[in-house]
């Protein structure tokens, strides 16, 4: 056998056994899930989009040599889940649009539930109505403390169900100052809507809307509203 062939065969054997070694690592045997609740209403708190602008869940394993936390994002409906966590004790921290950072300890044993109760800077109720391609959003922003200051209210629409204050997560945004009122989107005369009509049609003519409010520099959100035009 030529030396070059022996060399290649040796490399292949090394790779094969190396992969087998990697496959022998123990898989995570637990997970954690839950809901971030409003401490006053006991309702899930609407959150930013799950992603780079979202609310981060930090898990730091306790009583081990771990030096780095396991980080992942909560969902926009106020829930979170990570089904690939090793059983053990964790300190869990949630950083989001809340008056105080949420923090708890938990013993993960299988799929384990852990809920948080926090106070948002503001609460936003919103409803949507449609007439043709004109959508009217009626909203009301309530700040959770009389000392807080609501400086801006945002109305968004998007052709995807993910909406928050990041420019990549809305098709159009309207900014107003009133803490209660209406925001009207005349989509039939909106250039972005018309240029993306093929996307909307392929999605069953569904369009998505949301209200945000900046309170003490922090943006809270309404639930995401879906309409079929």
Foldseek 3Di string as FASTA:
>chain_A
DDPVVVVVVVVVVVVVVVVVVVVPDDFAQAKEKEFEAAQVPRAGFFWAAFDDPAKKKWKDFPPDPDDGTDIGGAHRRGMDIDGGHHFGKTWIWIDGQFPDIWIDIDGTDHYYYDYHHTHHQKAKDWDWDDDPQKIKIWMAIGGPDPPKDWAKKKKFKALDQHADDDPVRGQDMDIDGDRGDMDMDNLVPDPSCVVCVVSCVVVQQKMKMWMWIQMPNHIGIYHIDIDRD
